[in-house]
PDB file of N, CA and C in Angstrom:
ATOM      1  N   UNK A   1       0.846  -1.187   0.000  1.00  0.00           N
ATOM      2  CA  UNK A   1       0.000   0.000   0.000  1.00  0.00           C
ATOM      3  C   UNK A   1       0.883   1.238   0.000  1.00  0.00           C
ATOM      4  N   UNK A   2       0.363   2.288  -0.584  1.00  0.00           N
ATOM      5  CA  UNK A   2       1.082   3.559  -0.556  1.00  0.00           C
ATOM      6  C   UNK A   2       0.726   4.306   0.723  1.00  0.00           C
ATOM      7  N   UNK A   3       1.565   5.276   1.074  1.00  0.00           N
ATOM      8  CA  UNK A   3       1.250   6.081   2.257  1.00  0.00           C
ATOM      9  C   UNK A   3      -0.037   6.871   2.039  1.00  0.00           C
ATOM     10  N   UNK A   4      -0.327   7.230   0.803  1.00  0.00           N
ATOM     11  CA  UNK A   4      -1.576   7.939   0.515  1.00  0.00           C
ATOM     12  C   UNK A   4      -2.780   7.053   0.831  1.00  0.00           C
ATOM     13  N   UNK A   5      -2.706   5.773   0.453  1.00  0.00           N
ATOM     14  CA  UNK A   5      -3.805   4.847   0.744  1.00  0.00           C
ATOM     15  C   UNK A   5      -3.939   4.612   2.246  1.00  0.00           C
ATOM     16  N   UNK A   6      -2.811   4.465   2.915  1.00  0.00           N
ATOM     17  CA  UNK A   6      -2.836   4.263   4.360  1.00  0.00           C
ATOM     18  C   UNK A   6      -3.441   5.478   5.058  1.00  0.00           C
ATOM     19  N   UNK A   7      -3.039   6.675   4.645  1.00  0.00           N
ATOM     20  CA  UNK A   7      -3.597   7.911   5.212  1.00  0.00           C
ATOM     21  C   UNK A   7      -5.104   7.968   4.999  1.00  0.00           C
ATOM     22  N   UNK A   8      -5.558   7.601   3.809  1.00  0.00           N
ATOM     23  CA  UNK A   8      -6.990   7.657   3.482  1.00  0.00           C
ATOM     24  C   UNK A   8      -7.789   6.719   4.403  1.00  0.00           C
ATOM     25  N   UNK A   9      -7.245   5.556   4.696  1.00  0.00           N
ATOM     26  CA  UNK A   9      -7.935   4.631   5.600  1.00  0.00           C
ATOM     27  C   UNK A   9      -8.046   5.244   6.990  1.00  0.00           C
ATOM     28  N   UNK A  10      -6.972   5.871   7.467  1.00  0.00           N
ATOM     29  CA  UNK A  10      -7.023   6.524   8.784  1.00  0.00           C
ATOM     30  C   UNK A  10      -8.034   7.670   8.779  1.00  0.00           C
ATOM     31  N   UNK A  11      -8.057   8.446   7.718  1.00  0.00           N
ATOM     32  CA  UNK A  11      -9.031   9.541   7.626  1.00  0.00           C
ATOM     33  C   UNK A  11     -10.451   8.999   7.627  1.00  0.00           C
ATOM     34  N   UNK A  12     -10.674   7.903   6.917  1.00  0.00           N
ATOM     35  CA  UNK A  12     -11.996   7.278   6.876  1.00  0.00           C
ATOM     36  C   UNK A  12     -12.404   6.777   8.253  1.00  0.00           C
ATOM     37  N   UNK A  13     -11.452   6.185   8.976  1.00  0.00           N
ATOM     38  CA  UNK A  13     -11.703   5.700  10.336  1.00  0.00           C
ATOM     39  C   UNK A  13     -12.218   6.823  11.237  1.00  0.00           C
ATOM     40  N   UNK A  14     -11.514   7.945  11.245  1.00  0.00           N
ATOM     41  CA  UNK A  14     -11.908   9.044  12.124  1.00  0.00           C
ATOM     42  C   UNK A  14     -13.233   9.674  11.687  1.00  0.00           C
ATOM     43  N   UNK A  15     -13.438   9.828  10.390  1.00  0.00           N
ATOM     44  CA  UNK A  15     -14.703  10.395   9.902  1.00  0.00           C
ATOM     45  C   UNK A  15     -15.876   9.478  10.248  1.00  0.00           C
ATOM     46  N   UNK A  16     -15.696   8.176  10.050  1.00  0.00           N
ATOM     47  CA  UNK A  16     -16.780   7.227  10.351  1.00  0.00           C
ATOM     48  C   UNK A  16     -17.078   7.195  11.845  1.00  0.00           C
ATOM     49  N   UNK A  17     -16.039   7.245  12.667  1.00  0.00           N
ATOM     50  CA  UNK A  17     -16.246   7.253  14.122  1.00  0.00           C
ATOM     51  C   UNK A  17     -17.021   8.497  14.532  1.00  0.00           C
ATOM     52  N   UNK A  18     -16.598   9.646  14.036  1.00  0.00           N
ATOM     53  CA  UNK A  18     -17.283  10.892  14.390  1.00  0.00           C
ATOM     54  C   UNK A  18     -18.728  10.899  13.890  1.00  0.00           C
ATOM     55  N   UNK A  19     -18.951  10.285  12.727  1.00  0.00           N
ATOM     56  CA  UNK A  19     -20.307  10.235  12.152  1.00  0.00           C
ATOM     57  C   UNK A  19     -21.141   9.084  12.709  1.00  0.00           C
ATOM     58  N   UNK A  20     -20.544   8.287  13.599  1.00  0.00           N
ATOM     59  CA  UNK A  20     -21.230   7.125  14.192  1.00  0.00           C
ATOM     60  C   UNK A  20     -21.691   6.141  13.114  1.00  0.00           C
ATOM     61  N   UNK A  21     -20.826   5.963  12.116  1.00  0.00           N
ATOM     62  CA  UNK A  21     -21.120   5.128  10.958  1.00  0.00           C
ATOM     63  C   UNK A  21     -20.501   3.746  11.152  1.00  0.00           C
ATOM     64  N   UNK A  22     -21.234   2.883  11.832  1.00  0.00           N
ATOM     65  CA  UNK A  22     -20.735   1.548  12.167  1.00  0.00           C
ATOM     66  C   UNK A  22     -20.424   0.726  10.917  1.00  0.00           C
ATOM     67  N   UNK A  23     -21.211   0.867   9.881  1.00  0.00           N
ATOM     68  CA  UNK A  23     -21.004   0.082   8.657  1.00  0.00           C
ATOM     69  C   UNK A  23     -19.662   0.427   8.012  1.00  0.00           C
ATOM     70  N   UNK A  24     -19.355   1.712   7.911  1.00  0.00           N
ATOM     71  CA  UNK A  24     -18.076   2.109   7.320  1.00  0.00           C
ATOM     72  C   UNK A  24     -16.920   1.694   8.215  1.00  0.00           C
ATOM     73  N   UNK A  25     -17.063   1.880   9.530  1.00  0.00           N
ATOM     74  CA  UNK A  25     -16.012   1.437  10.445  1.00  0.00           C
ATOM     75  C   UNK A  25     -15.722  -0.047  10.241  1.00  0.00           C
ATOM     76  N   UNK A  26     -16.757  -0.861  10.210  1.00  0.00           N
ATOM     77  CA  UNK A  26     -16.561  -2.307  10.065  1.00  0.00           C
ATOM     78  C   UNK A  26     -15.887  -2.646   8.746  1.00  0.00           C
ATOM     79  N   UNK A  27     -16.199  -1.893   7.693  1.00  0.00           N
ATOM     80  CA  UNK A  27     -15.650  -2.199   6.366  1.00  0.00           C
ATOM     81  C   UNK A  27     -14.148  -1.951   6.258  1.00  0.00           C
ATOM     82  N   UNK A  28     -13.586  -1.114   7.127  1.00  0.00           N
ATOM     83  CA  UNK A  28     -12.150  -0.825   7.042  1.00  0.00           C
ATOM     84  C   UNK A  28     -11.340  -1.559   8.115  1.00  0.00           C
ATOM     85  N   UNK A  29     -11.998  -2.397   8.911  1.00  0.00           N
ATOM     86  CA  UNK A  29     -11.306  -3.175   9.939  1.00  0.00           C
ATOM     87  C   UNK A  29     -11.122  -4.620   9.483  1.00  0.00           C
ATOM     88  N   UNK A  30      -9.917  -5.152   9.689  1.00  0.00           N
ATOM     89  CA  UNK A  30      -9.699  -6.577   9.475  1.00  0.00           C
ATOM     90  C   UNK A  30     -10.530  -7.348  10.492  1.00  0.00           C
ATOM     91  N   UNK A  31     -10.941  -8.549  10.146  1.00  0.00           N
ATOM     92  CA  UNK A  31     -11.770  -9.345  11.060  1.00  0.00           C
ATOM     93  C   UNK A  31     -11.124  -9.516  12.424  1.00  0.00           C
ATOM     94  N   UNK A  32      -9.789  -9.629  12.454  1.00  0.00           N
ATOM     95  CA  UNK A  32      -9.073  -9.849  13.712  1.00  0.00           C
ATOM     96  C   UNK A  32      -8.446  -8.567  14.263  1.00  0.00           C
ATOM     97  N   UNK A  33      -8.997  -7.423  13.889  1.00  0.00           N
ATOM     98  CA  UNK A  33      -8.479  -6.140  14.381  1.00  0.00           C
ATOM     99  C   UNK A  33      -8.550  -6.090  15.897  1.00  0.00           C
ATOM    100  N   UNK A  34      -7.544  -5.447  16.498  1.00  0.00           N
ATOM    101  CA  UNK A  34      -7.518  -5.296  17.949  1.00  0.00           C
ATOM    102  C   UNK A  34      -7.483  -3.825  18.322  1.00  0.00           C
ATOM    103  N   UNK A  35      -8.007  -3.547  19.498  1.00  0.00           N
ATOM    104  CA  UNK A  35      -8.022  -2.187  20.044  1.00  0.00           C
ATOM    105  C   UNK A  35      -7.544  -2.258  21.483  1.00  0.00           C
ATOM    106  N   UNK A  36      -6.680  -1.310  21.844  1.00  0.00           N
ATOM    107  CA  UNK A  36      -6.248  -1.165  23.228  1.00  0.00           C
ATOM    108  C   UNK A  36      -6.246   0.315  23.560  1.00  0.00           C
ATOM    109  N   UNK A  37      -6.926   0.673  24.637  1.00  0.00           N
ATOM    110  CA  UNK A  37      -6.968   2.067  25.064  1.00  0.00           C
ATOM    111  C   UNK A  37      -7.323   2.153  26.529  1.00  0.00           C
ATOM    112  N   UNK A  38      -7.289   3.349  27.094  1.00  0.00           N
ATOM    113  CA  UNK A  38      -7.535   3.513  28.518  1.00  0.00           C
ATOM    114  C   UNK A  38      -8.960   3.189  28.962  1.00  0.00           C
ATOM    115  N   UNK A  39      -9.904   3.170  28.038  1.00  0.00           N
ATOM    116  CA  UNK A  39     -11.291   2.886  28.409  1.00  0.00           C
ATOM    117  C   UNK A  39     -11.782   1.526  27.940  1.00  0.00           C
ATOM    118  N   UNK A  40     -10.887   0.740  27.291  1.00  0.00           N
ATOM    119  CA  UNK A  40     -11.347  -0.573  26.867  1.00  0.00           C
ATOM    120  C   UNK A  40     -10.403  -1.277  25.928  1.00  0.00           C
ATOM    121  N   UNK A  41     -10.736  -2.534  25.675  1.00  0.00           N
ATOM    122  CA  UNK A  41      -9.994  -3.362  24.738  1.00  0.00           C
ATOM    123  C   UNK A  41     -10.989  -4.118  23.870  1.00  0.00           C
ATOM    124  N   UNK A  42     -10.511  -4.539  22.712  1.00  0.00           N
ATOM    125  CA  UNK A  42     -11.329  -5.355  21.812  1.00  0.00           C
ATOM    126  C   UNK A  42     -10.400  -6.277  21.043  1.00  0.00           C
ATOM    127  N   UNK A  43     -10.873  -7.481  20.754  1.00  0.00           N
ATOM    128  CA  UNK A  43     -10.037  -8.471  20.092  1.00  0.00           C
ATOM    129  C   UNK A  43     -10.562  -8.944  18.749  1.00  0.00           C
ATOM    130  N   UNK A  44     -11.560  -8.270  18.214  1.00  0.00           N
ATOM    131  CA  UNK A  44     -12.007  -8.539  16.850  1.00  0.00           C
ATOM    132  C   UNK A  44     -12.740  -7.294  16.334  1.00  0.00           C
ATOM    133  N   UNK A  45     -13.000  -7.285  15.047  1.00  0.00           N
ATOM    134  CA  UNK A  45     -13.572  -6.095  14.411  1.00  0.00           C
ATOM    135  C   UNK A  45     -14.931  -5.720  14.988  1.00  0.00           C
ATOM    136  N   UNK A  46     -15.783  -6.689  15.215  1.00  0.00           N
ATOM    137  CA  UNK A  46     -17.115  -6.369  15.730  1.00  0.00           C
ATOM    138  C   UNK A  46     -17.040  -5.740  17.121  1.00  0.00           C
ATOM    139  N   UNK A  47     -16.136  -6.244  17.963  1.00  0.00           N
ATOM    140  CA  UNK A  47     -15.956  -5.658  19.295  1.00  0.00           C
ATOM    141  C   UNK A  47     -15.361  -4.256  19.187  1.00  0.00           C
ATOM    142  N   UNK A  48     -14.465  -4.052  18.223  1.00  0.00           N
ATOM    143  CA  UNK A  48     -13.911  -2.706  18.002  1.00  0.00           C
ATOM    144  C   UNK A  48     -15.021  -1.721  17.635  1.00  0.00           C
ATOM    145  N   UNK A  49     -15.873  -2.118  16.704  1.00  0.00           N
ATOM    146  CA  UNK A  49     -16.971  -1.246  16.277  1.00  0.00           C
ATOM    147  C   UNK A  49     -17.902  -0.966  17.453  1.00  0.00           C
ATOM    148  N   UNK A  50     -18.240  -1.979  18.215  1.00  0.00           N
ATOM    149  CA  UNK A  50     -19.134  -1.788  19.365  1.00  0.00           C
ATOM    150  C   UNK A  50     -18.533  -0.787  20.349  1.00  0.00           C
ATOM    151  N   UNK A  51     -17.247  -0.915  20.627  1.00  0.00           N
ATOM    152  CA  UNK A  51     -16.590   0.009  21.540  1.00  0.00           C
ATOM    153  C   UNK A  51     -16.537   1.425  21.005  1.00  0.00           C
ATOM    154  N   UNK A  52     -16.217   1.569  19.732  1.00  0.00           N
ATOM    155  CA  UNK A  52     -16.144   2.905  19.130  1.00  0.00           C
ATOM    156  C   UNK A  52     -17.518   3.574  19.090  1.00  0.00           C
ATOM    157  N   UNK A  53     -18.532   2.825  18.730  1.00  0.00           N
ATOM    158  CA  UNK A  53     -19.887   3.384  18.697  1.00  0.00           C
ATOM    159  C   UNK A  53     -20.351   3.694  20.124  1.00  0.00           C
ATOM    160  N   UNK A  54     -19.957   2.873  21.076  1.00  0.00           N
ATOM    161  CA  UNK A  54     -20.273   3.164  22.477  1.00  0.00           C
ATOM    162  C   UNK A  54     -19.632   4.465  22.924  1.00  0.00           C
ATOM    163  N   UNK A  55     -18.369   4.653  22.613  1.00  0.00           N
ATOM    164  CA  UNK A  55     -17.670   5.890  22.969  1.00  0.00           C
ATOM    165  C   UNK A  55     -18.277   7.082  22.232  1.00  0.00           C
ATOM    166  N   UNK A  56     -18.784   6.830  21.043  1.00  0.00           N
ATOM    167  CA  UNK A  56     -19.382   7.916  20.259  1.00  0.00           C
ATOM    168  C   UNK A  56     -20.625   8.492  20.917  1.00  0.00           C
ATOM    169  N   UNK A  57     -21.184   7.794  21.894  1.00  0.00           N
ATOM    170  CA  UNK A  57     -22.357   8.314  22.591  1.00  0.00           C
ATOM    171  C   UNK A  57     -22.044   9.612  23.338  1.00  0.00           C
ATOM    172  N   UNK A  58     -20.775   9.792  23.734  1.00  0.00           N
ATOM    173  CA  UNK A  58     -20.369  11.031  24.408  1.00  0.00           C
ATOM    174  C   UNK A  58     -19.425  11.864  23.534  1.00  0.00           C
ATOM    175  N   UNK A  59     -19.189  11.411  22.311  1.00  0.00           N
ATOM    176  CA  UNK A  59     -18.297  12.119  21.396  1.00  0.00           C
ATOM    177  C   UNK A  59     -18.985  13.350  20.824  1.00  0.00           C
ATOM    178  N   UNK A  60     -18.349  14.476  20.967  1.00  0.00           N
ATOM    179  CA  UNK A  60     -18.838  15.704  20.344  1.00  0.00           C
ATOM    180  C   UNK A  60     -18.153  15.905  18.998  1.00  0.00           C
ATOM    181  N   UNK A  61     -16.807  15.893  19.025  1.00  0.00           N
ATOM    182  CA  UNK A  61     -16.059  16.015  17.773  1.00  0.00           C
ATOM    183  C   UNK A  61     -14.607  15.637  18.009  1.00  0.00           C
ATOM    184  N   UNK A  62     -13.937  15.387  16.890  1.00  0.00           N
ATOM    185  CA  UNK A  62     -12.517  15.058  16.881  1.00  0.00           C
ATOM    186  C   UNK A  62     -11.807  16.186  16.145  1.00  0.00           C
ATOM    187  N   UNK A  63     -10.880  16.817  16.824  1.00  0.00           N
ATOM    188  CA  UNK A  63     -10.117  17.912  16.218  1.00  0.00           C
ATOM    189  C   UNK A  63      -8.685  17.429  15.991  1.00  0.00           C
ATOM    190  N   UNK A  64      -8.412  16.998  14.761  1.00  0.00           N
ATOM    191  CA  UNK A  64      -7.089  16.474  14.424  1.00  0.00           C
ATOM    192  C   UNK A  64      -6.082  17.612  14.405  1.00  0.00           C
ATOM    193  N   UNK A  65      -4.995  17.405  15.133  1.00  0.00           N
ATOM    194  CA  UNK A  65      -3.903  18.388  15.209  1.00  0.00           C
ATOM    195  C   UNK A  65      -2.752  18.013  14.288  1.00  0.00           C
ATOM    196  N   UNK A  66      -2.486  16.716  14.152  1.00  0.00           N
ATOM    197  CA  UNK A  66      -1.398  16.256  13.287  1.00  0.00           C
ATOM    198  C   UNK A  66      -1.625  14.790  12.936  1.00  0.00           C
ATOM    199  N   UNK A  67      -1.160  14.414  11.752  1.00  0.00           N
ATOM    200  CA  UNK A  67      -1.226  13.018  11.330  1.00  0.00           C
ATOM    201  C   UNK A  67       0.076  12.711  10.595  1.00  0.00           C
ATOM    202  N   UNK A  68       0.718  11.622  10.992  1.00  0.00           N
ATOM    203  CA  UNK A  68       1.975  11.216  10.387  1.00  0.00           C
ATOM    204  C   UNK A  68       1.818   9.781   9.895  1.00  0.00           C
ATOM    205  N   UNK A  69       2.198   9.557   8.643  1.00  0.00           N
ATOM    206  CA  UNK A  69       2.110   8.228   8.055  1.00  0.00           C
ATOM    207  C   UNK A  69       3.521   7.754   7.731  1.00  0.00           C
ATOM    208  N   UNK A  70       3.818   6.538   8.172  1.00  0.00           N
ATOM    209  CA  UNK A  70       5.096   5.917   7.842  1.00  0.00           C
ATOM    210  C   UNK A  70       4.828   4.472   7.481  1.00  0.00           C
ATOM    211  N   UNK A  71       4.916   4.161   6.214  1.00  0.00           N
ATOM    212  CA  UNK A  71       4.609   2.804   5.760  1.00  0.00           C
ATOM    213  C   UNK A  71       3.163   2.460   6.059  1.00  0.00           C
ATOM    214  N   UNK A  72       2.973   1.387   6.828  1.00  0.00           N
ATOM    215  CA  UNK A  72       1.626   0.914   7.160  1.00  0.00           C
ATOM    216  C   UNK A  72       1.117   1.454   8.498  1.00  0.00           C
ATOM    217  N   UNK A  73       1.845   2.407   9.068  1.00  0.00           N
ATOM    218  CA  UNK A  73       1.497   2.948  10.381  1.00  0.00           C
ATOM    219  C   UNK A  73       1.098   4.411  10.294  1.00  0.00           C
ATOM    220  N   UNK A  74       0.079   4.757  11.079  1.00  0.00           N
ATOM    221  CA  UNK A  74      -0.407   6.136  11.127  1.00  0.00           C
ATOM    222  C   UNK A  74      -0.500   6.560  12.588  1.00  0.00           C
ATOM    223  N   UNK A  75       0.076   7.705  12.887  1.00  0.00           N
ATOM    224  CA  UNK A  75      -0.095   8.313  14.201  1.00  0.00           C
ATOM    225  C   UNK A  75      -0.964   9.551  13.993  1.00  0.00           C
ATOM    226  N   UNK A  76      -2.075   9.603  14.689  1.00  0.00           N
ATOM    227  CA  UNK A  76      -2.951  10.768  14.636  1.00  0.00           C
ATOM    228  C   UNK A  76      -3.004  11.361  16.037  1.00  0.00           C
ATOM    229  N   UNK A  77      -2.666  12.634  16.138  1.00  0.00           N
ATOM    230  CA  UNK A  77      -2.766  13.337  17.412  1.00  0.00           C
ATOM    231  C   UNK A  77      -3.959  14.263  17.302  1.00  0.00           C
ATOM    232  N   UNK A  78      -4.884  14.166  18.272  1.00  0.00           N
ATOM    233  CA  UNK A  78      -6.115  14.948  18.174  1.00  0.00           C
ATOM    234  C   UNK A  78      -6.634  15.315  19.551  1.00  0.00           C
ATOM    235  N   UNK A  79      -7.506  16.312  19.568  1.00  0.00           N
ATOM    236  CA  UNK A  79      -8.244  16.663  20.777  1.00  0.00           C
ATOM    237  C   UNK A  79      -9.583  15.938  20.706  1.00  0.00           C
ATOM    238  N   UNK A  80      -9.832  15.122  21.715  1.00  0.00           N
ATOM    239  CA  UNK A  80     -11.076  14.366  21.817  1.00  0.00           C
ATOM    240  C   UNK A  80     -12.075  15.210  22.592  1.00  0.00           C
ATOM    241  N   UNK A  81     -13.024  15.783  21.875  1.00  0.00           N
ATOM    242  CA  UNK A  81     -14.057  16.610  22.490  1.00  0.00           C
ATOM    243  C   UNK A  81     -15.251  15.710  22.806  1.00  0.00           C
ATOM    244  N   UNK A  82     -15.644  15.699  24.074  1.00  0.00           N
ATOM    245  CA  UNK A  82     -16.810  14.924  24.483  1.00  0.00           C
ATOM    246  C   UNK A  82     -17.863  15.867  25.059  1.00  0.00           C
ATOM    247  N   UNK A  83     -19.030  15.312  25.283  1.00  0.00           N
ATOM    248  CA  UNK A  83     -20.115  16.085  25.883  1.00  0.00           C
ATOM    249  C   UNK A  83     -20.052  16.066  27.402  1.00  0.00           C
ATOM    250  N   UNK A  84     -19.077  15.328  27.966  1.00  0.00           N
ATOM    251  CA  UNK A  84     -19.045  15.144  29.413  1.00  0.00           C
ATOM    252  C   UNK A  84     -17.793  15.668  30.105  1.00  0.00           C
ATOM    253  N   UNK A  85     -16.776  16.081  29.329  1.00  0.00           N
ATOM    254  CA  UNK A  85     -15.507  16.492  29.933  1.00  0.00           C
ATOM    255  C   UNK A  85     -14.777  17.444  28.997  1.00  0.00           C
ATOM    256  N   UNK A  86     -13.805  18.172  29.523  1.00  0.00           N
ATOM    257  CA  UNK A  86     -12.991  19.035  28.653  1.00  0.00           C
ATOM    258  C   UNK A  86     -12.260  18.189  27.606  1.00  0.00           C
ATOM    259  N   UNK A  87     -11.833  18.813  26.508  1.00  0.00           N
ATOM    260  CA  UNK A  87     -11.112  18.072  25.463  1.00  0.00           C
ATOM    261  C   UNK A  87      -9.903  17.326  26.032  1.00  0.00           C
ATOM    262  N   UNK A  88      -9.703  16.112  25.551  1.00  0.00           N
ATOM    263  CA  UNK A  88      -8.583  15.282  25.991  1.00  0.00           C
ATOM    264  C   UNK A  88      -7.580  15.145  24.851  1.00  0.00           C
ATOM    265  N   UNK A  89      -6.357  15.654  25.022  1.00  0.00           N
ATOM    266  CA  UNK A  89      -5.320  15.420  24.018  1.00  0.00           C
ATOM    267  C   UNK A  89      -5.090  13.908  23.889  1.00  0.00           C
ATOM    268  N   UNK A  90      -5.112  13.407  22.647  1.00  0.00           N
ATOM    269  CA  UNK A  90      -5.119  11.971  22.415  1.00  0.00           C
ATOM    270  C   UNK A  90      -4.159  11.589  21.291  1.00  0.00           C
ATOM    271  N   UNK A  91      -3.447  10.498  21.488  1.00  0.00           N
ATOM    272  CA  UNK A  91      -2.599   9.930  20.439  1.00  0.00           C
ATOM    273  C   UNK A  91      -3.189   8.585  20.026  1.00  0.00           C
ATOM    274  N   UNK A  92      -3.281   8.362  18.729  1.00  0.00           N
ATOM    275  CA  UNK A  92      -3.836   7.128  18.186  1.00  0.00           C
ATOM    276  C   UNK A  92      -2.844   6.559  17.180  1.00  0.00           C
ATOM    277  N   UNK A  93      -2.424   5.304  17.418  1.00  0.00           N
ATOM    278  CA  UNK A  93      -1.600   4.581  16.452  1.00  0.00           C
ATOM    279  C   UNK A  93      -2.498   3.577  15.752  1.00  0.00           C
ATOM    280  N   UNK A  94      -2.466   3.588  14.443  1.00  0.00           N
ATOM    281  CA  UNK A  94      -3.260   2.680  13.630  1.00  0.00           C
ATOM    282  C   UNK A  94      -2.323   1.935  12.694  1.00  0.00           C
ATOM    283  N   UNK A  95      -2.464   0.615  12.631  1.00  0.00           N
ATOM    284  CA  UNK A  95      -1.661  -0.198  11.720  1.00  0.00           C
ATOM    285  C   UNK A  95      -2.578  -0.771  10.647  1.00  0.00           C
ATOM    286  N   UNK A  96      -2.148  -0.659   9.391  1.00  0.00           N
ATOM    287  CA  UNK A  96      -2.953  -1.081   8.246  1.00  0.00           C
ATOM    288  C   UNK A  96      -2.212  -2.174   7.482  1.00  0.00           C
ATOM    289  N   UNK A  97      -2.911  -3.239   7.162  1.00  0.00           N
ATOM    290  CA  UNK A  97      -2.371  -4.307   6.311  1.00  0.00           C
ATOM    291  C   UNK A  97      -3.418  -4.678   5.272  1.00  0.00           C
ATOM    292  N   UNK A  98      -2.981  -4.810   4.028  1.00  0.00           N
ATOM    293  CA  UNK A  98      -3.870  -5.220   2.936  1.00  0.00           C
ATOM    294  C   UNK A  98      -5.148  -4.389   2.875  1.00  0.00           C
ATOM    295  N   UNK A  99      -5.027  -3.087   3.152  1.00  0.00           N
ATOM    296  CA  UNK A  99      -6.157  -2.185   3.006  1.00  0.00           C
ATOM    297  C   UNK A  99      -7.123  -2.136   4.170  1.00  0.00           C
ATOM    298  N   UNK A 100      -6.786  -2.796   5.278  1.00  0.00           N
ATOM    299  CA  UNK A 100      -7.662  -2.782   6.441  1.00  0.00           C
ATOM    300  C   UNK A 100      -6.858  -2.545   7.717  1.00  0.00           C
ATOM    301  N   UNK A 101      -7.508  -1.929   8.673  1.00  0.00           N
ATOM    302  CA  UNK A 101      -6.865  -1.676   9.962  1.00  0.00           C
ATOM    303  C   UNK A 101      -6.807  -2.984  10.744  1.00  0.00           C
ATOM    304  N   UNK A 102      -5.593  -3.302  11.245  1.00  0.00           N
ATOM    305  CA  UNK A 102      -5.424  -4.534  12.025  1.00  0.00           C
ATOM    306  C   UNK A 102      -5.197  -4.252  13.505  1.00  0.00           C
ATOM    307  N   UNK A 103      -4.738  -3.040  13.829  1.00  0.00           N
ATOM    308  CA  UNK A 103      -4.470  -2.722  15.231  1.00  0.00           C
ATOM    309  C   UNK A 103      -4.657  -1.236  15.478  1.00  0.00           C
ATOM    310  N   UNK A 104      -5.241  -0.924  16.631  1.00  0.00           N
ATOM    311  CA  UNK A 104      -5.446   0.458  17.067  1.00  0.00           C
ATOM    312  C   UNK A 104      -4.987   0.539  18.514  1.00  0.00           C
ATOM    313  N   UNK A 105      -4.136   1.508  18.791  1.00  0.00           N
ATOM    314  CA  UNK A 105      -3.699   1.759  20.162  1.00  0.00           C
ATOM    315  C   UNK A 105      -3.935   3.236  20.447  1.00  0.00           C
ATOM    316  N   UNK A 106      -4.546   3.519  21.576  1.00  0.00           N
ATOM    317  CA  UNK A 106      -4.919   4.891  21.915  1.00  0.00           C
ATOM    318  C   UNK A 106      -4.358   5.235  23.289  1.00  0.00           C
ATOM    319  N   UNK A 107      -3.866   6.468  23.421  1.00  0.00           N
ATOM    320  CA  UNK A 107      -3.363   6.935  24.714  1.00  0.00           C
ATOM    321  C   UNK A 107      -3.916   8.328  25.001  1.00  0.00           C
ATOM    322  N   UNK A 108      -4.552   8.461  26.164  1.00  0.00           N
ATOM    323  CA  UNK A 108      -5.014   9.752  26.671  1.00  0.00           C
ATOM    324  C   UNK A 108      -5.314   9.592  28.150  1.00  0.00           C
ATOM    325  N   UNK A 109      -5.465  10.708  28.811  1.00  0.00           N
ATOM    326  CA  UNK A 109      -5.791  10.698  30.239  1.00  0.00           C
ATOM    327  C   UNK A 109      -7.318  10.635  30.369  1.00  0.00           C
ATOM    328  N   UNK A 110      -7.868   9.509  30.835  1.00  0.00           N
ATOM    329  CA  UNK A 110      -9.322   9.334  30.869  1.00  0.00           C
ATOM    330  C   UNK A 110      -9.994   9.835  32.153  1.00  0.00           C
ATOM    331  N   UNK A 111      -9.240  10.394  33.097  1.00  0.00           N
ATOM    332  CA  UNK A 111      -9.795  10.678  34.413  1.00  0.00           C
ATOM    333  C   UNK A 111     -11.039  11.566  34.392  1.00  0.00           C
ATOM    334  N   UNK A 112     -11.045  12.619  33.592  1.00  0.00           N
ATOM    335  CA  UNK A 112     -12.222  13.513  33.603  1.00  0.00           C
ATOM    336  C   UNK A 112     -13.431  12.850  32.961  1.00  0.00           C
ATOM    337  N   UNK A 113     -13.224  12.027  31.937  1.00  0.00           N
ATOM    338  CA  UNK A 113     -14.342  11.299  31.325  1.00  0.00           C
ATOM    339  C   UNK A 113     -14.899  10.286  32.322  1.00  0.00           C
ATOM    340  N   UNK A 114     -14.005   9.574  33.012  1.00  0.00           N
ATOM    341  CA  UNK A 114     -14.448   8.602  34.018  1.00  0.00           C
ATOM    342  C   UNK A 114     -15.172   9.279  35.178  1.00  0.00           C
ATOM    343  N   UNK A 115     -14.662  10.429  35.602  1.00  0.00           N
ATOM    344  CA  UNK A 115     -15.307  11.165  36.690  1.00  0.00           C
ATOM    345  C   UNK A 115     -16.705  11.613  36.287  1.00  0.00           C
ATOM    346  N   UNK A 116     -16.869  12.015  35.039  1.00  0.00           N
ATOM    347  CA  UNK A 116     -18.195  12.434  34.575  1.00  0.00           C
ATOM    348  C   UNK A 116     -19.156  11.246  34.578  1.00  0.00           C
ATOM    349  N   UNK A 117     -18.651  10.049  34.252  1.00  0.00           N
ATOM    350  CA  UNK A 117     -19.490   8.849  34.300  1.00  0.00           C
ATOM    351  C   UNK A 117     -19.906   8.488  35.716  1.00  0.00           C
ATOM    352  N   UNK A 118     -19.004   8.717  36.669  1.00  0.00           N
ATOM    353  CA  UNK A 118     -19.316   8.437  38.065  1.00  0.00           C
ATOM    354  C   UNK A 118     -20.361   9.403  38.600  1.00  0.00           C
ATOM    355  N   UNK A 119     -20.383  10.634  38.051  1.00  0.00           N
ATOM    356  CA  UNK A 119     -21.328  11.641  38.524  1.00  0.00           C
ATOM    357  C   UNK A 119     -22.734  11.401  37.980  1.00  0.00           C
ATOM    358  N   UNK A 120     -22.812  10.659  36.872  1.00  0.00           N
ATOM    359  CA  UNK A 120     -24.106  10.488  36.219  1.00  0.00           C
ATOM    360  C   UNK A 120     -24.767   9.294  36.605  1.00  0.00           C
TER     361      UNK A 120
END
């Protein structure tokens, strides 16, 4: 794959997540895609979609600050705007193989989002 194709898949991932488009999210994930982040884990594509759509319930918007593509890897740094907490600076690593995302790793400080859940 070219870096342009890899970038396009990452862009599609973020747009579909923000739009709560489960069908598009599922179409760009490998069946055995994995997710690891501070609020959850998933070990297959369907679980990844369920988790992303679940998180989208409090998602307001994603403000991408930078995206770097190197081979099959994409790092996206963004502000995660939710309806329950101040924006959370977030780093997302996405690995793409054969045109589909196989791994997603996310890092951010979840404390304010978790605190908002405890209050509700």
